[in-house]
Amino acid sequence: MIQAIISFAIFIVGLISFIKVEKKAQDPIISLDLFTNKTYVVVNLIAALISGFLMGVEVYIPMWMQGVLGKSAALGGIVLAPMSVIWMFGSFAGGKAMRKWSAKKAIFISMLPILVGAIFLSLAQMDTAYGIFYIFSAILGIGFGMTMTILTVLAQTSVDSHHTGVATSFFTLSRTIGQTIMISVFGLVLNASMNQGLAEKKELGVTKDMMNKLINPHTVKELPTALVGDLREILYNNLHQVYLVGIVLVVLSFVLNYFQKEEPLS
């Protein structure tokens, strides 16, 4: 915790120093004028939140497949294949949405599949069939493909043409920052929930080392058969906490989009 606080303090000091230098620079790396553009700021915030949720999907769905459903690493990873493939079609749909609707409406509609996927992940039960995850992986692919395409175009078109390059680069940085921050937050949530779950079942003798073995398909056989069910229940509850946070991210994205202007994308 102390290291996290120190790191955050260093980040704040560095950010303040960077802003001061950029204000005085004749040719700044990032023009601060970009952040007086409300649309551009909102687009970057939404991109950061949605990208953060994307990390939760890519990291923790395979963990669910392996730890809760007992699938192999290959099957745990391939469940994300529909999302990757359908993402491309979602991008095409995003292009059509930009010609048909305003920015605000297009973003709202594009995020609906993401919200559906987030709700499914937060409500799915331990015995939810493996094949169902393929369906929602595809649904998420549509949402992510549409949303990221629309946000990227809006980030580029909402600024002056001579700022397009910098605006696009910072938009990519916003996505990366969102992923970095949220994977850390998800990790904290998972660990806190795991500690609570282990404490509640401490009379069974379950440990963190056992949880690590549960997630690894090569070491799960080393666990006592009688404890596997309890360990999977703990992991299942942990992942539910992660995806509840995911829902918050998606809902916040809808709230931010509410403040968008009703302006055409094309």
Protein backbone atom coordinates (compact mmCIF):
# COMPACT_ATOMS: atom_id res chain seq x y z
CA MET A 1 0.00 0.00 0.00
CA ILE A 2 2.80 2.42 0.91
CA GLN A 3 4.55 1.73 -2.39
CA ALA A 4 1.30 2.41 -4.27
CA ILE A 5 0.84 5.74 -2.44
CA ILE A 6 4.43 6.78 -3.15
CA SER A 7 4.08 5.83 -6.82
CA PHE A 8 0.84 7.80 -7.11
CA ALA A 9 2.45 10.82 -5.45
CA ILE A 10 5.37 10.66 -7.90
CA PHE A 11 2.87 10.46 -10.76
CA ILE A 12 1.02 13.58 -9.56
CA VAL A 13 4.25 15.56 -9.12
CA GLY A 14 5.45 14.45 -12.55
CA LEU A 15 2.12 15.36 -14.16
CA ILE A 16 2.11 18.84 -12.62
CA SER A 17 5.71 19.40 -13.71
CA PHE A 18 4.92 18.22 -17.23
CA ILE A 19 1.96 20.61 -17.52
CA LYS A 20 4.08 23.56 -16.35
CA VAL A 21 6.79 22.79 -18.90
CA GLU A 22 4.28 22.26 -21.72
CA LYS A 23 2.63 25.63 -21.03
CA LYS A 24 5.94 27.41 -21.56
CA ALA A 25 7.21 25.33 -24.49
CA GLN A 26 7.08 26.93 -27.95
CA ASP A 27 6.55 23.53 -29.58
CA PRO A 28 4.87 21.36 -26.91
CA ILE A 29 4.72 17.59 -27.17
CA ILE A 30 1.03 17.69 -26.36
CA SER A 31 -0.84 20.92 -27.04
CA LEU A 32 -2.82 21.77 -23.92
CA ASP A 33 -5.38 23.45 -26.17
CA LEU A 34 -6.71 19.97 -26.87
CA PHE A 35 -8.03 19.77 -23.32
CA THR A 36 -10.19 22.85 -23.74
CA ASN A 37 -12.18 20.82 -26.28
CA LYS A 38 -14.99 19.21 -24.28
CA THR A 39 -15.80 16.60 -26.93
CA TYR A 40 -12.17 15.50 -27.19
CA VAL A 41 -11.79 15.20 -23.43
CA VAL A 42 -14.99 13.15 -23.06
CA VAL A 43 -13.99 10.85 -25.92
CA ASN A 44 -10.64 10.13 -24.29
CA LEU A 45 -12.24 9.44 -20.92
CA ILE A 46 -14.73 7.01 -22.47
CA ALA A 47 -11.93 5.30 -24.40
CA ALA A 48 -9.91 4.89 -21.19
CA LEU A 49 -12.87 3.36 -19.32
CA ILE A 50 -13.90 1.00 -22.11
CA SER A 51 -10.29 -0.06 -22.69
CA GLY A 52 -9.98 -0.73 -18.96
CA PHE A 53 -13.01 -3.01 -19.09
CA LEU A 54 -11.52 -4.72 -22.16
CA MET A 55 -8.51 -5.72 -20.07
CA GLY A 56 -10.85 -7.28 -17.52
CA VAL A 57 -12.43 -9.32 -20.31
CA GLU A 58 -9.18 -10.46 -21.88
CA VAL A 59 -7.45 -11.37 -18.62
CA TYR A 60 -10.21 -12.78 -16.44
CA ILE A 61 -12.44 -14.71 -18.85
CA PRO A 62 -9.62 -17.21 -19.54
CA MET A 63 -9.07 -17.41 -15.78
CA TRP A 64 -12.79 -18.19 -15.36
CA MET A 65 -12.60 -20.90 -18.02
CA GLN A 66 -9.58 -22.55 -16.41
CA GLY A 67 -10.22 -22.04 -12.71
CA VAL A 68 -14.01 -22.24 -12.45
CA LEU A 69 -14.95 -24.49 -15.39
CA GLY A 70 -11.77 -26.55 -15.32
CA LYS A 71 -10.95 -26.07 -19.01
CA SER A 72 -7.46 -26.26 -20.51
CA ALA A 73 -5.41 -23.14 -21.20
CA ALA A 74 -6.10 -23.52 -24.93
CA LEU A 75 -9.87 -23.66 -24.43
CA GLY A 76 -9.65 -20.82 -21.93
CA GLY A 77 -8.00 -18.57 -24.48
CA ILE A 78 -9.92 -19.59 -27.58
CA VAL A 79 -13.19 -18.45 -25.99
CA LEU A 80 -12.02 -14.92 -26.84
CA ALA A 81 -11.64 -15.77 -30.53
CA PRO A 82 -15.20 -14.71 -31.46
CA MET A 83 -14.58 -11.30 -29.91
CA SER A 84 -11.45 -10.79 -32.00
CA VAL A 85 -13.11 -11.89 -35.23
CA ILE A 86 -16.42 -10.07 -34.74
CA TRP A 87 -14.50 -6.93 -33.72
CA MET A 88 -13.74 -6.39 -37.41
CA PHE A 89 -17.43 -6.55 -38.33
CA GLY A 90 -18.19 -4.23 -35.44
CA SER A 91 -15.76 -1.74 -36.98
CA PHE A 92 -17.68 -1.90 -40.25
CA ALA A 93 -20.94 -1.36 -38.36
CA GLY A 94 -19.33 1.59 -36.58
CA GLY A 95 -18.52 3.15 -39.94
CA LYS A 96 -22.17 2.89 -41.00
CA ALA A 97 -23.32 4.28 -37.64
CA MET A 98 -21.14 7.35 -38.15
CA ARG A 99 -22.92 8.15 -41.40
CA LYS A 100 -26.38 7.55 -39.96
CA TRP A 101 -26.43 8.99 -36.43
CA SER A 102 -25.01 11.81 -34.35
CA ALA A 103 -21.87 11.19 -32.31
CA LYS A 104 -23.80 10.92 -29.06
CA LYS A 105 -26.34 8.43 -30.42
CA ALA A 106 -23.74 6.36 -32.26
CA ILE A 107 -21.59 5.97 -29.15
CA PHE A 108 -24.63 5.14 -27.02
CA ILE A 109 -25.79 2.39 -29.39
CA SER A 110 -22.27 1.02 -29.87
CA MET A 111 -21.78 0.60 -26.12
CA LEU A 112 -25.02 -1.31 -25.58
CA PRO A 113 -23.48 -4.69 -26.56
CA ILE A 114 -20.62 -3.99 -24.14
CA LEU A 115 -23.12 -3.32 -21.36
CA VAL A 116 -24.95 -6.56 -22.20
CA GLY A 117 -21.68 -8.48 -22.01
CA ALA A 118 -20.72 -6.83 -18.72
CA ILE A 119 -24.10 -7.68 -17.17
CA PHE A 120 -23.80 -11.29 -18.34
CA LEU A 121 -20.33 -11.65 -16.79
CA SER A 122 -21.53 -10.21 -13.49
CA LEU A 123 -24.58 -12.51 -13.36
CA ALA A 124 -23.22 -15.74 -14.90
CA GLN A 125 -23.34 -18.72 -12.55
CA MET A 126 -20.66 -21.28 -11.81
CA ASP A 127 -22.44 -23.85 -13.95
CA THR A 128 -22.98 -21.54 -16.94
CA ALA A 129 -22.24 -23.60 -20.05
CA TYR A 130 -18.88 -23.04 -21.71
CA GLY A 131 -20.53 -22.45 -25.09
CA ILE A 132 -22.53 -19.50 -23.76
CA PHE A 133 -19.31 -17.56 -23.29
CA TYR A 134 -18.65 -17.79 -27.04
CA ILE A 135 -21.94 -16.03 -27.71
CA PHE A 136 -21.21 -13.17 -25.34
CA SER A 137 -17.62 -12.98 -26.56
CA ALA A 138 -19.06 -12.25 -30.01
CA ILE A 139 -21.48 -9.69 -28.58
CA LEU A 140 -18.61 -7.92 -26.84
CA GLY A 141 -16.66 -7.98 -30.12
CA ILE A 142 -19.45 -6.09 -31.86
CA GLY A 143 -19.55 -3.50 -29.10
CA PHE A 144 -15.81 -2.98 -28.82
CA GLY A 145 -15.39 -2.83 -32.60
CA MET A 146 -18.10 -0.22 -33.05
CA THR A 147 -17.18 1.85 -30.01
CA MET A 148 -13.44 2.08 -30.63
CA THR A 149 -13.93 2.92 -34.30
CA ILE A 150 -16.38 5.71 -33.54
CA LEU A 151 -14.30 7.10 -30.68
CA THR A 152 -11.12 7.10 -32.79
CA VAL A 153 -12.78 8.99 -35.62
CA LEU A 154 -14.41 11.45 -33.23
CA ALA A 155 -11.07 12.08 -31.48
CA GLN A 156 -9.57 12.97 -34.86
CA THR A 157 -12.43 15.08 -36.21
CA SER A 158 -13.20 17.01 -33.04
CA VAL A 159 -9.90 18.93 -33.19
CA ASP A 160 -8.28 21.26 -35.72
CA SER A 161 -6.65 19.48 -38.66
CA HIS A 162 -3.11 20.50 -37.61
CA HIS A 163 -3.68 18.74 -34.26
CA THR A 164 -4.95 15.48 -35.76
CA GLY A 165 -1.66 13.60 -35.35
CA VAL A 166 -1.15 14.61 -31.73
CA ALA A 167 -4.84 14.03 -30.93
CA THR A 168 -4.69 10.51 -32.35
CA SER A 169 -1.49 9.70 -30.46
CA PHE A 170 -2.90 10.97 -27.17
CA PHE A 171 -6.11 9.03 -27.77
CA THR A 172 -4.02 5.85 -28.06
CA LEU A 173 -2.18 6.84 -24.89
CA SER A 174 -5.50 7.32 -23.08
CA ARG A 175 -6.52 3.78 -24.00
CA THR A 176 -3.20 2.43 -22.73
CA ILE A 177 -3.42 4.39 -19.49
CA GLY A 178 -6.97 3.13 -18.94
CA GLN A 179 -5.83 -0.46 -19.43
CA THR A 180 -2.83 -0.02 -17.13
CA ILE A 181 -4.79 1.57 -14.32
CA MET A 182 -7.73 -0.81 -14.50
CA ILE A 183 -5.68 -4.00 -14.62
CA SER A 184 -4.12 -2.80 -11.36
CA VAL A 185 -7.54 -2.00 -9.90
CA PHE A 186 -8.93 -5.37 -10.97
CA GLY A 187 -5.93 -7.06 -9.38
CA LEU A 188 -6.54 -5.23 -6.09
CA VAL A 189 -10.23 -6.16 -6.15
CA LEU A 190 -9.42 -9.79 -6.93
CA ASN A 191 -6.84 -10.06 -4.15
CA ALA A 192 -9.06 -8.36 -1.58
CA SER A 193 -11.97 -10.62 -2.47
CA MET A 194 -9.71 -13.67 -2.44
CA ASN A 195 -8.36 -12.85 1.02
CA GLN A 196 -11.92 -12.50 2.28
CA GLY A 197 -12.96 -15.78 0.69
CA LEU A 198 -9.97 -17.64 2.10
CA ALA A 199 -10.63 -16.18 5.55
CA GLU A 200 -14.25 -17.37 5.43
CA LYS A 201 -13.11 -20.91 4.62
CA LYS A 202 -9.92 -20.98 6.69
CA GLU A 203 -11.23 -23.96 8.66
CA LEU A 204 -10.85 -26.01 5.47
CA GLY A 205 -7.16 -25.18 5.26
CA VAL A 206 -7.35 -23.44 1.84
CA THR A 207 -4.43 -21.18 0.90
CA LYS A 208 -3.40 -18.74 -1.86
CA ASP A 209 -0.98 -21.33 -3.16
CA MET A 210 -3.95 -23.63 -3.73
CA MET A 211 -5.72 -20.86 -5.66
CA ASN A 212 -2.70 -20.52 -7.93
CA LYS A 213 -2.71 -24.25 -8.56
CA LEU A 214 -6.43 -24.14 -9.31
CA ILE A 215 -5.95 -21.65 -12.14
CA ASN A 216 -3.13 -23.68 -13.69
CA PRO A 217 -4.58 -26.75 -15.50
CA HIS A 218 -1.28 -28.58 -15.02
CA THR A 219 -1.25 -28.26 -11.23
CA VAL A 220 -4.96 -28.49 -10.38
CA LYS A 221 -4.59 -32.27 -10.16
CA GLU A 222 -2.26 -31.78 -7.20
CA LEU A 223 -5.10 -30.31 -5.12
CA PRO A 224 -7.18 -32.42 -2.73
CA THR A 225 -10.33 -33.39 -4.60
CA ALA A 226 -12.52 -32.44 -1.65
CA LEU A 227 -11.28 -28.82 -1.75
CA VAL A 228 -11.52 -28.15 -5.49
CA GLY A 229 -15.21 -27.23 -5.30
CA ASP A 230 -14.64 -24.73 -2.48
CA LEU A 231 -11.65 -23.21 -4.26
CA ARG A 232 -13.66 -22.77 -7.45
CA GLU A 233 -16.43 -21.10 -5.48
CA ILE A 234 -13.93 -18.63 -4.02
CA LEU A 235 -12.51 -17.84 -7.45
CA TYR A 236 -15.99 -17.50 -8.93
CA ASN A 237 -16.95 -14.95 -6.26
CA ASN A 238 -13.67 -13.10 -6.84
CA LEU A 239 -14.33 -12.80 -10.55
CA HIS A 240 -17.85 -11.59 -9.92
CA GLN A 241 -16.40 -8.71 -7.88
CA VAL A 242 -14.11 -7.86 -10.79
CA TYR A 243 -16.99 -7.75 -13.25
CA LEU A 244 -19.13 -5.65 -10.93
CA VAL A 245 -16.35 -3.08 -11.19
CA GLY A 246 -16.49 -3.63 -14.95
CA ILE A 247 -20.17 -2.69 -15.00
CA VAL A 248 -19.33 0.51 -13.14
CA LEU A 249 -16.81 1.41 -15.86
CA VAL A 250 -19.34 0.85 -18.63
CA VAL A 251 -22.07 2.78 -16.80
CA LEU A 252 -19.67 5.68 -16.23
CA SER A 253 -19.00 5.66 -19.98
CA PHE A 254 -22.73 6.07 -20.63
CA VAL A 255 -22.85 8.93 -18.13
CA LEU A 256 -19.94 10.68 -19.85
CA ASN A 257 -21.56 10.19 -23.24
CA TYR A 258 -24.67 11.93 -21.93
CA PHE A 259 -22.64 15.16 -21.93
CA GLN A 260 -21.70 14.79 -25.59
CA LYS A 261 -23.13 17.27 -28.05
CA GLU A 262 -25.66 16.11 -30.63
CA GLU A 263 -23.37 16.68 -33.58
CA PRO A 264 -22.87 14.70 -36.80
CA LEU A 265 -19.85 12.41 -37.13
CA SER A 266 -19.49 12.79 -40.87
